[in-house]
Amino acid sequence: MAEDKDEQINIFESGLVPKHEILTEDQKAQFLKQYNISTKQLPRIRADDPVVKHLSGKRGDVMRITRNEPVIGEYYYYRIVA
């Protein structure tokens, strides 16, 4: 039986991709002000990255990635969609 080509795969179900979320404009402004940085100082994530596409991200969005490590616990990593 052939698979339906229109069927979407949820990349977050594998457990290999950490939680990603797009910051609102207010959250983005607060984050940049809190750390006294500009968006040019953030690491980039490509607009054609599967996670960005899945979340309907666009250039200029800041993504918060939640990672979990056994020793240090939960921490956040930020990237700008470029």
N, C-alpha and C. Protein backbone atom coordinates (compact mmCIF):
# COMPACT_ATOMS: atom_id res chain seq x y z
N MET A 1 0.85 -1.18 0.00
CA MET A 1 0.00 0.00 0.00
C MET A 1 0.90 1.24 0.00
N ALA A 2 0.69 2.13 -0.93
CA ALA A 2 1.51 3.33 -1.06
C ALA A 2 1.10 4.37 -0.03
N GLU A 3 2.10 5.09 0.47
CA GLU A 3 1.81 6.15 1.43
C GLU A 3 1.24 7.37 0.71
N ASP A 4 0.39 8.10 1.39
CA ASP A 4 -0.19 9.32 0.85
C ASP A 4 0.89 10.40 0.84
N LYS A 5 1.20 10.95 -0.33
CA LYS A 5 2.25 11.97 -0.45
C LYS A 5 1.89 13.26 0.27
N ASP A 6 0.62 13.51 0.50
CA ASP A 6 0.18 14.73 1.18
C ASP A 6 0.28 14.62 2.70
N GLU A 7 0.55 13.42 3.18
CA GLU A 7 0.64 13.22 4.63
C GLU A 7 1.85 13.96 5.18
N GLN A 8 1.63 14.75 6.23
CA GLN A 8 2.69 15.53 6.84
C GLN A 8 3.31 14.73 7.99
N ILE A 9 4.62 14.84 8.11
CA ILE A 9 5.33 14.20 9.20
C ILE A 9 5.58 15.24 10.27
N ASN A 10 5.23 14.92 11.50
CA ASN A 10 5.48 15.83 12.62
C ASN A 10 6.88 15.55 13.14
N ILE A 11 7.82 16.46 12.84
CA ILE A 11 9.21 16.25 13.20
C ILE A 11 9.45 16.28 14.71
N PHE A 12 8.51 16.82 15.46
CA PHE A 12 8.67 16.93 16.91
C PHE A 12 8.34 15.61 17.62
N GLU A 13 7.65 14.70 16.95
CA GLU A 13 7.25 13.45 17.58
C GLU A 13 8.40 12.48 17.76
N SER A 14 9.50 12.67 17.04
CA SER A 14 10.62 11.74 17.11
C SER A 14 11.36 11.80 18.45
N GLY A 15 11.25 12.93 19.14
CA GLY A 15 11.99 13.11 20.37
C GLY A 15 13.42 13.59 20.14
N LEU A 16 13.82 13.68 18.89
CA LEU A 16 15.18 14.13 18.55
C LEU A 16 15.26 15.63 18.34
N VAL A 17 14.12 16.26 18.09
CA VAL A 17 14.08 17.70 17.85
C VAL A 17 13.56 18.38 19.12
N PRO A 18 14.35 19.29 19.71
CA PRO A 18 13.87 19.96 20.93
C PRO A 18 12.71 20.90 20.63
N LYS A 19 12.05 21.34 21.67
CA LYS A 19 10.91 22.26 21.53
C LYS A 19 11.40 23.59 20.96
N HIS A 20 10.73 24.06 19.92
CA HIS A 20 11.00 25.36 19.31
C HIS A 20 9.74 26.20 19.41
N GLU A 21 9.91 27.48 19.65
CA GLU A 21 8.76 28.39 19.64
C GLU A 21 9.22 29.75 19.14
N ILE A 22 8.32 30.46 18.49
CA ILE A 22 8.62 31.78 17.97
C ILE A 22 8.20 32.82 19.01
N LEU A 23 9.11 33.72 19.35
CA LEU A 23 8.79 34.77 20.31
C LEU A 23 7.85 35.79 19.68
N THR A 24 6.95 36.33 20.48
CA THR A 24 6.12 37.43 20.01
C THR A 24 7.01 38.68 19.88
N GLU A 25 6.52 39.71 19.23
CA GLU A 25 7.29 40.94 19.07
C GLU A 25 7.64 41.55 20.44
N ASP A 26 6.71 41.49 21.38
CA ASP A 26 6.97 42.01 22.73
C ASP A 26 8.05 41.18 23.44
N GLN A 27 7.95 39.85 23.34
CA GLN A 27 8.95 38.98 23.95
C GLN A 27 10.31 39.20 23.32
N LYS A 28 10.33 39.37 22.00
CA LYS A 28 11.57 39.61 21.28
C LYS A 28 12.23 40.91 21.75
N ALA A 29 11.46 41.98 21.84
CA ALA A 29 11.98 43.28 22.29
C ALA A 29 12.51 43.18 23.72
N GLN A 30 11.77 42.51 24.59
CA GLN A 30 12.19 42.35 25.99
C GLN A 30 13.47 41.53 26.07
N PHE A 31 13.57 40.46 25.30
CA PHE A 31 14.76 39.61 25.30
C PHE A 31 15.99 40.40 24.84
N LEU A 32 15.86 41.14 23.74
CA LEU A 32 16.99 41.90 23.22
C LEU A 32 17.41 43.00 24.20
N LYS A 33 16.44 43.63 24.85
CA LYS A 33 16.75 44.68 25.82
C LYS A 33 17.41 44.09 27.06
N GLN A 34 16.90 42.97 27.54
CA GLN A 34 17.42 42.34 28.75
C GLN A 34 18.90 42.00 28.61
N TYR A 35 19.29 41.51 27.44
CA TYR A 35 20.68 41.11 27.23
C TYR A 35 21.50 42.16 26.49
N ASN A 36 20.88 43.29 26.19
CA ASN A 36 21.55 44.41 25.53
C ASN A 36 22.27 43.95 24.26
N ILE A 37 21.51 43.27 23.39
CA ILE A 37 22.06 42.77 22.14
C ILE A 37 21.15 43.16 20.99
N SER A 38 21.66 43.00 19.77
CA SER A 38 20.84 43.22 18.58
C SER A 38 20.61 41.87 17.91
N THR A 39 19.69 41.83 16.99
CA THR A 39 19.41 40.57 16.29
C THR A 39 20.61 40.10 15.48
N LYS A 40 21.49 41.01 15.09
CA LYS A 40 22.68 40.63 14.32
C LYS A 40 23.66 39.80 15.14
N GLN A 41 23.52 39.84 16.46
CA GLN A 41 24.42 39.10 17.33
C GLN A 41 23.92 37.68 17.63
N LEU A 42 22.74 37.36 17.18
CA LEU A 42 22.18 36.04 17.44
C LEU A 42 22.63 35.04 16.38
N PRO A 43 22.79 33.77 16.77
CA PRO A 43 23.05 32.73 15.77
C PRO A 43 21.84 32.63 14.84
N ARG A 44 22.08 32.19 13.63
CA ARG A 44 21.01 32.15 12.63
C ARG A 44 20.45 30.74 12.46
N ILE A 45 19.21 30.70 12.02
CA ILE A 45 18.58 29.46 11.57
C ILE A 45 17.95 29.81 10.23
N ARG A 46 18.15 28.98 9.26
CA ARG A 46 17.68 29.28 7.90
C ARG A 46 16.15 29.23 7.81
N ALA A 47 15.62 30.10 6.96
CA ALA A 47 14.17 30.15 6.78
C ALA A 47 13.63 28.87 6.16
N ASP A 48 14.49 28.11 5.47
CA ASP A 48 14.04 26.86 4.86
C ASP A 48 14.29 25.63 5.75
N ASP A 49 14.67 25.88 7.01
CA ASP A 49 14.84 24.78 7.97
C ASP A 49 13.47 24.14 8.20
N PRO A 50 13.40 22.81 8.26
CA PRO A 50 12.10 22.14 8.46
C PRO A 50 11.33 22.62 9.68
N VAL A 51 12.02 22.93 10.79
CA VAL A 51 11.35 23.40 12.00
C VAL A 51 10.73 24.77 11.75
N VAL A 52 11.45 25.66 11.09
CA VAL A 52 10.94 26.99 10.80
C VAL A 52 9.71 26.89 9.89
N LYS A 53 9.80 26.05 8.89
CA LYS A 53 8.65 25.85 7.98
C LYS A 53 7.44 25.30 8.75
N HIS A 54 7.70 24.32 9.61
CA HIS A 54 6.61 23.69 10.38
C HIS A 54 5.89 24.72 11.27
N LEU A 55 6.65 25.66 11.82
CA LEU A 55 6.07 26.68 12.71
C LEU A 55 5.65 27.95 11.97
N SER A 56 5.77 27.95 10.65
CA SER A 56 5.43 29.10 9.82
C SER A 56 6.24 30.34 10.21
N GLY A 57 7.51 30.13 10.49
CA GLY A 57 8.40 31.23 10.83
C GLY A 57 8.78 32.04 9.59
N LYS A 58 9.16 33.28 9.84
CA LYS A 58 9.58 34.15 8.74
C LYS A 58 10.86 34.87 9.13
N ARG A 59 11.53 35.43 8.15
CA ARG A 59 12.78 36.15 8.41
C ARG A 59 12.57 37.22 9.47
N GLY A 60 13.51 37.30 10.41
CA GLY A 60 13.42 38.28 11.47
C GLY A 60 12.81 37.75 12.75
N ASP A 61 12.14 36.60 12.68
CA ASP A 61 11.58 35.99 13.90
C ASP A 61 12.71 35.47 14.78
N VAL A 62 12.51 35.54 16.08
CA VAL A 62 13.45 34.95 17.03
C VAL A 62 12.82 33.69 17.59
N MET A 63 13.57 32.60 17.51
CA MET A 63 13.08 31.32 18.00
C MET A 63 13.76 30.97 19.30
N ARG A 64 12.96 30.49 20.25
CA ARG A 64 13.50 30.00 21.52
C ARG A 64 13.46 28.48 21.45
N ILE A 65 14.62 27.88 21.67
CA ILE A 65 14.75 26.43 21.63
C ILE A 65 14.97 25.96 23.07
N THR A 66 14.12 25.07 23.53
CA THR A 66 14.22 24.55 24.89
C THR A 66 14.91 23.21 24.84
N ARG A 67 16.06 23.13 25.49
CA ARG A 67 16.83 21.90 25.52
C ARG A 67 16.89 21.37 26.94
N ASN A 68 16.98 20.06 27.05
CA ASN A 68 17.09 19.40 28.36
C ASN A 68 18.35 18.58 28.40
N GLU A 69 19.12 18.77 29.42
CA GLU A 69 20.35 18.00 29.64
C GLU A 69 20.25 17.34 31.01
N PRO A 70 20.69 16.10 31.14
CA PRO A 70 20.58 15.39 32.42
C PRO A 70 21.28 16.11 33.58
N VAL A 71 22.40 16.72 33.33
CA VAL A 71 23.18 17.32 34.41
C VAL A 71 22.69 18.72 34.76
N ILE A 72 22.45 19.57 33.74
CA ILE A 72 22.10 20.97 34.02
C ILE A 72 20.61 21.25 33.94
N GLY A 73 19.84 20.32 33.41
CA GLY A 73 18.40 20.52 33.32
C GLY A 73 18.00 21.29 32.08
N GLU A 74 16.92 22.05 32.20
CA GLU A 74 16.35 22.78 31.07
C GLU A 74 17.06 24.11 30.86
N TYR A 75 17.36 24.44 29.59
CA TYR A 75 17.93 25.74 29.28
C TYR A 75 17.44 26.17 27.90
N TYR A 76 17.59 27.46 27.62
CA TYR A 76 17.09 28.03 26.38
C TYR A 76 18.23 28.46 25.47
N TYR A 77 17.98 28.35 24.19
CA TYR A 77 18.91 28.77 23.16
C TYR A 77 18.10 29.58 22.17
N TYR A 78 18.63 30.68 21.69
CA TYR A 78 17.88 31.57 20.82
C TYR A 78 18.55 31.67 19.45
N ARG A 79 17.75 31.72 18.41
CA ARG A 79 18.23 31.90 17.05
C ARG A 79 17.31 32.84 16.30
N ILE A 80 17.88 33.54 15.32
CA ILE A 80 17.07 34.41 14.47
C ILE A 80 16.90 33.74 13.11
N VAL A 81 15.69 33.83 12.58
CA VAL A 81 15.41 33.26 11.27
C VAL A 81 16.01 34.19 10.21
N ALA A 82 16.89 33.62 9.40
CA ALA A 82 17.58 34.40 8.37
C ALA A 82 17.35 33.81 6.99
